[in-house]
Amino acid sequence: MRPNRGIEIGTGLFVVLGFASLLFLTTQLPSSGLKLAQTKAGYHVTAAFDNVGDLKVGAPVTMAGVNLGEVESVRIDWTTYKAVVKMRIDPQYTKIPDDSDASIQTQGLLGGKYVAVGAGGSETFLKEGSQITLTQSALVLENLINKFFSSQASKGPDAGDASAPAGNTGSSAPNKGTSK
């Protein structure tokens, strides 16, 4: 018995289309660093952070929840040992005060990192080549958990024990001035 040729061709095309769409979606992820789209217009600003966490190229740059642009590169400055983030800001956002601050935030509990820009009050604005000097580094969840556990361990086993008697506020040594 001969297999149906139409089903084989259809299945083959379906598999090829699946691989092609998977390849396309993989190149569009911010963490891949690969982009099929051309470079976008805008101006570039930098900010130096002590710790960027897992901030990736392509991560959004936002202000008040509005997407202003994206992260173009993350590198280390070997003189200050800080991570320097280069951001592309879309050309329509020209009125960002130059004393604004930048912080690295997390999208949701387990989401990726992004750069949030907080508006300053200056009358002059960011332009090509500007640097944001006020920065707040990423909050690394593992560091917080380690600090919590180390502080709990240093308190000892009796710290915070609610089962201790309420009237026992003094020393546990017996009174020496009592008669027998």
Protein backbone atom coordinates (compact mmCIF):
# COMPACT_ATOMS: atom_id res chain seq x y z
CA MET A 1 0.00 0.00 0.00
CA ARG A 2 1.38 3.40 -1.05
CA PRO A 3 1.35 6.33 1.46
CA ASN A 4 -0.49 9.51 0.54
CA ARG A 5 2.00 11.95 -1.04
CA GLY A 6 -0.11 15.04 -0.19
CA ILE A 7 0.02 14.35 3.55
CA GLU A 8 3.81 13.94 3.45
CA ILE A 9 4.31 17.23 1.59
CA GLY A 10 1.91 19.05 3.92
CA THR A 11 3.66 17.72 7.00
CA GLY A 12 7.07 18.69 5.61
CA LEU A 13 5.91 22.24 4.84
CA PHE A 14 4.39 22.53 8.31
CA VAL A 15 7.69 21.49 9.95
CA VAL A 16 9.73 23.90 7.77
CA LEU A 17 7.31 26.75 8.56
CA GLY A 18 7.56 25.93 12.28
CA PHE A 19 11.37 26.09 12.21
CA ALA A 20 11.31 29.35 10.23
CA SER A 21 8.93 30.99 12.72
CA LEU A 22 11.01 29.74 15.65
CA LEU A 23 14.16 31.23 14.10
CA PHE A 24 12.39 34.57 13.52
CA LEU A 25 11.05 34.76 17.08
CA THR A 26 14.45 33.86 18.52
CA THR A 27 16.10 36.76 16.70
CA GLN A 28 13.48 39.16 18.05
CA LEU A 29 14.11 38.42 21.74
CA PRO A 30 15.92 41.25 23.54
CA SER A 31 18.39 38.86 25.15
CA SER A 32 19.54 37.35 21.86
CA GLY A 33 21.28 40.50 20.65
CA LEU A 34 20.24 39.60 17.08
CA LYS A 35 17.80 41.87 15.29
CA LEU A 36 16.37 41.66 11.81
CA ALA A 37 15.12 45.24 11.96
CA GLN A 38 17.38 48.13 11.01
CA THR A 39 18.77 50.56 13.57
CA LYS A 40 16.25 53.12 14.71
CA ALA A 41 16.68 56.88 14.84
CA GLY A 42 17.18 58.68 18.11
CA TYR A 43 19.85 60.08 20.38
CA HIS A 44 22.13 58.21 22.75
CA VAL A 45 22.67 58.74 26.48
CA THR A 46 24.71 56.76 28.99
CA ALA A 47 24.45 55.95 32.68
CA ALA A 48 26.89 54.17 35.01
CA PHE A 49 25.60 51.64 37.55
CA ASP A 50 27.28 49.65 40.33
CA ASN A 51 25.23 46.58 39.38
CA VAL A 52 22.96 46.06 36.36
CA GLY A 53 21.73 42.61 37.38
CA ASP A 54 20.78 40.76 34.22
CA LEU A 55 19.94 43.82 32.11
CA LYS A 56 20.08 42.83 28.44
CA VAL A 57 20.64 44.66 25.19
CA GLY A 58 17.21 45.53 23.77
CA ALA A 59 15.59 46.04 27.18
CA PRO A 60 13.15 48.95 27.29
CA VAL A 61 13.92 52.41 28.66
CA THR A 62 10.78 53.90 30.20
CA MET A 63 9.54 57.02 31.96
CA ALA A 64 6.25 56.89 33.87
CA GLY A 65 5.47 53.60 32.14
CA VAL A 66 5.94 55.02 28.63
CA ASN A 67 8.56 53.36 26.44
CA LEU A 68 11.19 55.98 25.50
CA GLY A 69 13.69 53.72 23.75
CA GLU A 70 15.91 50.74 24.42
CA VAL A 71 19.26 49.64 25.83
CA GLU A 72 21.86 49.46 23.06
CA SER A 73 24.88 48.19 24.96
CA VAL A 74 26.10 47.23 28.42
CA ARG A 75 29.84 47.30 29.09
CA ILE A 76 32.25 47.71 31.99
CA ASP A 77 34.30 50.86 32.53
CA TRP A 78 37.70 49.59 33.66
CA THR A 79 38.65 52.87 35.35
CA THR A 80 35.60 53.06 37.67
CA TYR A 81 34.64 49.36 37.59
CA LYS A 82 31.03 50.30 36.92
CA ALA A 83 28.65 49.00 34.29
CA VAL A 84 28.00 51.63 31.62
CA VAL A 85 24.63 51.36 29.90
CA LYS A 86 24.20 53.06 26.52
CA MET A 87 20.55 53.84 25.73
CA ARG A 88 18.89 55.00 22.54
CA ILE A 89 16.05 57.44 23.18
CA ASP A 90 13.45 57.86 20.43
CA PRO A 91 13.68 61.26 18.67
CA GLN A 92 10.23 62.47 19.77
CA TYR A 93 11.31 62.49 23.44
CA THR A 94 13.48 65.62 23.48
CA LYS A 95 12.27 67.20 26.73
CA ILE A 96 13.81 64.83 29.30
CA PRO A 97 15.50 67.04 31.94
CA ASP A 98 19.26 66.52 32.16
CA ASP A 99 19.11 66.05 35.96
CA SER A 100 16.83 63.02 35.61
CA ASP A 101 17.71 59.79 37.39
CA ALA A 102 17.92 56.25 36.02
CA SER A 103 17.21 53.06 37.93
CA ILE A 104 17.12 49.42 36.94
CA GLN A 105 13.75 47.87 37.67
CA THR A 106 12.22 44.42 37.27
CA GLN A 107 9.13 43.73 35.17
CA GLY A 108 6.98 41.78 37.61
CA LEU A 109 8.27 39.28 40.16
CA LEU A 110 10.28 37.13 37.75
CA GLY A 111 10.38 39.41 34.73
CA GLY A 112 13.33 40.90 32.89
CA LYS A 113 15.10 44.10 33.80
CA TYR A 114 14.53 47.52 32.26
CA VAL A 115 15.79 51.07 32.80
CA ALA A 116 13.31 53.47 34.40
CA VAL A 117 14.03 57.17 34.02
CA GLY A 118 12.65 59.55 36.64
CA ALA A 119 12.14 63.14 35.56
CA GLY A 120 14.28 65.84 37.10
CA GLY A 121 13.43 69.53 37.34
CA SER A 122 16.08 71.13 35.15
CA GLU A 123 15.29 73.56 32.34
CA THR A 124 17.92 71.94 30.10
CA PHE A 125 17.34 68.58 28.45
CA LEU A 126 19.23 65.41 27.56
CA LYS A 127 20.84 65.39 24.12
CA GLU A 128 23.17 63.18 22.08
CA GLY A 129 26.07 62.04 24.27
CA SER A 130 24.57 63.14 27.60
CA GLN A 131 25.21 61.15 30.74
CA ILE A 132 22.69 60.48 33.48
CA THR A 133 24.67 60.83 36.72
CA LEU A 134 22.00 59.94 39.29
CA THR A 135 21.60 56.17 39.12
CA GLN A 136 20.21 53.37 41.26
CA SER A 137 21.52 49.88 40.67
CA ALA A 138 19.50 46.74 40.22
CA LEU A 139 18.03 45.07 43.26
CA VAL A 140 19.42 41.54 43.22
CA LEU A 141 16.95 39.18 44.88
CA GLU A 142 19.62 36.63 45.81
CA ASN A 143 21.56 39.27 47.76
CA LEU A 144 18.44 40.25 49.72
CA ILE A 145 17.68 36.64 50.59
CA ASN A 146 21.28 36.07 51.72
CA LYS A 147 21.18 39.18 53.92
CA PHE A 148 17.89 38.09 55.45
CA PHE A 149 19.14 34.61 56.31
CA SER A 150 22.46 35.86 57.67
CA SER A 151 20.68 38.38 59.90
CA GLN A 152 18.35 35.65 61.18
CA ALA A 153 21.30 33.34 61.85
CA SER A 154 23.19 36.03 63.79
CA LYS A 155 20.22 36.60 66.12
CA GLY A 156 20.56 33.10 67.49
CA PRO A 157 17.92 30.49 68.27
CA ASP A 158 16.24 32.45 71.13
CA ALA A 159 15.79 35.71 69.19
CA GLY A 160 12.17 36.54 68.69
CA ASP A 161 10.99 33.54 70.79
CA ALA A 162 7.40 34.37 71.73
CA SER A 163 7.06 31.34 74.04
CA ALA A 164 9.26 32.84 76.79
CA PRO A 165 7.38 33.78 80.00
CA ALA A 166 6.25 37.41 80.08
CA GLY A 167 7.48 38.07 83.62
CA ASN A 168 11.05 36.85 83.02
CA THR A 169 12.83 40.12 82.23
CA GLY A 170 15.86 39.84 84.48
CA SER A 171 18.82 37.53 84.81
CA SER A 172 18.40 33.78 85.06
CA ALA A 173 20.76 33.61 88.08
CA PRO A 174 19.09 32.71 91.41
CA ASN A 175 18.62 35.35 94.09
CA LYS A 176 21.37 35.14 96.69
CA GLY A 177 19.66 37.27 99.33
CA THR A 178 16.82 34.88 100.17
CA SER A 179 16.74 32.67 103.27
CA LYS A 180 16.28 28.94 103.24
